[in-house]
Amino acid sequence: TEPLDISTLSQRFGYTREHFTRLYRQKMGITPGQYILELRINRAKELLLTTHLSLTKVASESGFQEANYFCRLFRKRCGMSPREYQSSPEARII
């Protein structure tokens, strides 16, 4: 839920931001930022299916500072709004 800066993360491991991102992409196939975003979206999905939190609270608990940005990003990544996902039968299967 906390802000995570790639520069801070790379310094923690003793690399420049660019080198850390390059190494991470080579090993994992995606950038660190993409991975963090994936984790946050997955956390939001979990909260949507297991709680009755407001979208603002789901966004906050998933590490997004603004609910509007979270909703736009969720729709772009998942093909449906957070509320549509919450009531979607196929979401229960995943």
C-alpha atoms as a PDB file:
ATOM      1  CA  THR A   1       0.000   0.000   0.000  1.00  0.00           C
ATOM      2  CA  GLU A   2       2.976   2.293   0.334  1.00  0.00           C
ATOM      3  CA  PRO A   3       4.507   4.288  -2.517  1.00  0.00           C
ATOM      4  CA  LEU A   4       7.337   2.353  -4.099  1.00  0.00           C
ATOM      5  CA  ASP A   5       9.947   4.175  -6.121  1.00  0.00           C
ATOM      6  CA  ILE A   6      12.127   2.143  -8.493  1.00  0.00           C
ATOM      7  CA  SER A   7      15.096   4.426  -7.766  1.00  0.00           C
ATOM      8  CA  THR A   8      14.864   3.686  -4.047  1.00  0.00           C
ATOM      9  CA  LEU A   9      14.458  -0.020  -4.731  1.00  0.00           C
ATOM     10  CA  SER A  10      17.460  -0.111  -7.064  1.00  0.00           C
ATOM     11  CA  GLN A  11      19.639   1.751  -4.543  1.00  0.00           C
ATOM     12  CA  ARG A  12      18.698  -0.795  -1.911  1.00  0.00           C
ATOM     13  CA  PHE A  13      20.219  -3.502  -4.102  1.00  0.00           C
ATOM     14  CA  GLY A  14      23.235  -1.371  -5.001  1.00  0.00           C
ATOM     15  CA  TYR A  15      22.404  -0.661  -8.655  1.00  0.00           C
ATOM     16  CA  THR A  16      21.533   2.379 -10.689  1.00  0.00           C
ATOM     17  CA  ARG A  17      17.881   2.602 -11.667  1.00  0.00           C
ATOM     18  CA  GLU A  18      18.680   1.814 -15.300  1.00  0.00           C
ATOM     19  CA  HIS A  19      20.890  -1.178 -14.516  1.00  0.00           C
ATOM     20  CA  PHE A  20      18.406  -2.588 -12.007  1.00  0.00           C
ATOM     21  CA  THR A  21      15.544  -2.235 -14.502  1.00  0.00           C
ATOM     22  CA  ARG A  22      17.614  -3.870 -17.248  1.00  0.00           C
ATOM     23  CA  LEU A  23      18.628  -6.797 -15.040  1.00  0.00           C
ATOM     24  CA  TYR A  24      15.093  -7.249 -13.746  1.00  0.00           C
ATOM     25  CA  ARG A  25      13.646  -7.239 -17.250  1.00  0.00           C
ATOM     26  CA  GLN A  26      16.240  -9.776 -18.437  1.00  0.00           C
ATOM     27  CA  LYS A  27      15.425 -12.160 -15.574  1.00  0.00           C
ATOM     28  CA  MET A  28      11.669 -11.655 -15.265  1.00  0.00           C
ATOM     29  CA  GLY A  29      10.558 -10.544 -18.732  1.00  0.00           C
ATOM     30  CA  ILE A  30       8.856  -7.395 -17.421  1.00  0.00           C
ATOM     31  CA  THR A  31      10.024  -4.198 -15.751  1.00  0.00           C
ATOM     32  CA  PRO A  32       9.911  -3.768 -11.968  1.00  0.00           C
ATOM     33  CA  GLY A  33       7.198  -1.140 -12.428  1.00  0.00           C
ATOM     34  CA  GLN A  34       5.045  -3.550 -14.438  1.00  0.00           C
ATOM     35  CA  TYR A  35       5.474  -6.209 -11.758  1.00  0.00           C
ATOM     36  CA  ILE A  36       4.503  -3.818  -8.967  1.00  0.00           C
ATOM     37  CA  LEU A  37       1.442  -2.771 -10.948  1.00  0.00           C
ATOM     38  CA  GLU A  38       0.512  -6.424 -11.462  1.00  0.00           C
ATOM     39  CA  LEU A  39       0.788  -7.046  -7.712  1.00  0.00           C
ATOM     40  CA  ARG A  40      -1.401  -4.035  -6.962  1.00  0.00           C
ATOM     41  CA  ILE A  41      -4.075  -5.071  -9.459  1.00  0.00           C
ATOM     42  CA  ASN A  42      -4.089  -8.606  -8.039  1.00  0.00           C
ATOM     43  CA  ARG A  43      -4.449  -7.205  -4.508  1.00  0.00           C
ATOM     44  CA  ALA A  44      -7.360  -5.061  -5.684  1.00  0.00           C
ATOM     45  CA  LYS A  45      -9.019  -8.115  -7.254  1.00  0.00           C
ATOM     46  CA  GLU A  46      -8.660  -9.988  -3.985  1.00  0.00           C
ATOM     47  CA  LEU A  47     -10.179  -7.112  -2.007  1.00  0.00           C
ATOM     48  CA  LEU A  48     -13.040  -6.723  -4.483  1.00  0.00           C
ATOM     49  CA  LEU A  49     -13.945 -10.392  -4.107  1.00  0.00           C
ATOM     50  CA  THR A  50     -13.461 -10.779  -0.370  1.00  0.00           C
ATOM     51  CA  THR A  51     -14.565  -7.468   1.168  1.00  0.00           C
ATOM     52  CA  HIS A  52     -17.257  -4.828   0.906  1.00  0.00           C
ATOM     53  CA  LEU A  53     -14.825  -1.900   0.866  1.00  0.00           C
ATOM     54  CA  SER A  54     -15.544   1.219  -1.165  1.00  0.00           C
ATOM     55  CA  LEU A  55     -13.604   1.671  -4.396  1.00  0.00           C
ATOM     56  CA  THR A  56     -11.669   4.489  -2.748  1.00  0.00           C
ATOM     57  CA  LYS A  57     -10.601   2.154   0.053  1.00  0.00           C
ATOM     58  CA  VAL A  58      -9.798  -0.715  -2.340  1.00  0.00           C
ATOM     59  CA  ALA A  59      -7.643   1.673  -4.372  1.00  0.00           C
ATOM     60  CA  SER A  60      -5.862   2.903  -1.255  1.00  0.00           C
ATOM     61  CA  GLU A  61      -5.337  -0.583   0.181  1.00  0.00           C
ATOM     62  CA  SER A  62      -3.892  -1.682  -3.168  1.00  0.00           C
ATOM     63  CA  GLY A  63      -1.348   1.129  -3.306  1.00  0.00           C
ATOM     64  CA  PHE A  64      -3.154   3.553  -5.623  1.00  0.00           C
ATOM     65  CA  GLN A  65      -3.393   7.150  -4.476  1.00  0.00           C
ATOM     66  CA  GLU A  66      -6.474   8.056  -6.518  1.00  0.00           C
ATOM     67  CA  ALA A  67      -9.606   5.972  -7.030  1.00  0.00           C
ATOM     68  CA  ASN A  68     -10.275   7.457 -10.490  1.00  0.00           C
ATOM     69  CA  TYR A  69      -6.811   6.467 -11.725  1.00  0.00           C
ATOM     70  CA  PHE A  70      -7.254   3.018 -10.176  1.00  0.00           C
ATOM     71  CA  CYS A  71     -10.606   2.509 -11.933  1.00  0.00           C
ATOM     72  CA  ARG A  72      -9.245   3.598 -15.336  1.00  0.00           C
ATOM     73  CA  LEU A  73      -6.186   1.396 -14.966  1.00  0.00           C
ATOM     74  CA  PHE A  74      -8.235  -1.563 -13.741  1.00  0.00           C
ATOM     75  CA  ARG A  75     -10.552  -1.302 -16.745  1.00  0.00           C
ATOM     76  CA  LYS A  76      -7.585  -1.064 -19.116  1.00  0.00           C
ATOM     77  CA  ARG A  77      -5.814  -4.090 -17.580  1.00  0.00           C
ATOM     78  CA  CYS A  78      -8.842  -6.304 -16.881  1.00  0.00           C
ATOM     79  CA  GLY A  79     -11.315  -5.287 -19.586  1.00  0.00           C
ATOM     80  CA  MET A  80     -13.999  -4.315 -17.079  1.00  0.00           C
ATOM     81  CA  SER A  81     -14.572  -1.883 -14.246  1.00  0.00           C
ATOM     82  CA  PRO A  82     -13.811  -2.912 -10.659  1.00  0.00           C
ATOM     83  CA  ARG A  83     -17.554  -3.173  -9.902  1.00  0.00           C
ATOM     84  CA  GLU A  84     -18.147  -5.283 -13.014  1.00  0.00           C
ATOM     85  CA  TYR A  85     -15.286  -7.532 -11.932  1.00  0.00           C
ATOM     86  CA  GLN A  86     -16.740  -7.811  -8.444  1.00  0.00           C
ATOM     87  CA  SER A  87     -20.052  -9.122  -9.746  1.00  0.00           C
ATOM     88  CA  SER A  88     -18.593 -11.165 -12.602  1.00  0.00           C
ATOM     89  CA  PRO A  89     -19.117 -14.922 -12.301  1.00  0.00           C
ATOM     90  CA  GLU A  90     -15.813 -15.665 -14.052  1.00  0.00           C
ATOM     91  CA  ALA A  91     -13.949 -13.609 -11.434  1.00  0.00           C
ATOM     92  CA  ARG A  92     -14.954 -16.196  -8.822  1.00  0.00           C
ATOM     93  CA  ILE A  93     -13.273 -18.943 -10.848  1.00  0.00           C
ATOM     94  CA  ILE A  94      -9.885 -17.212 -11.039  1.00  0.00           C
END
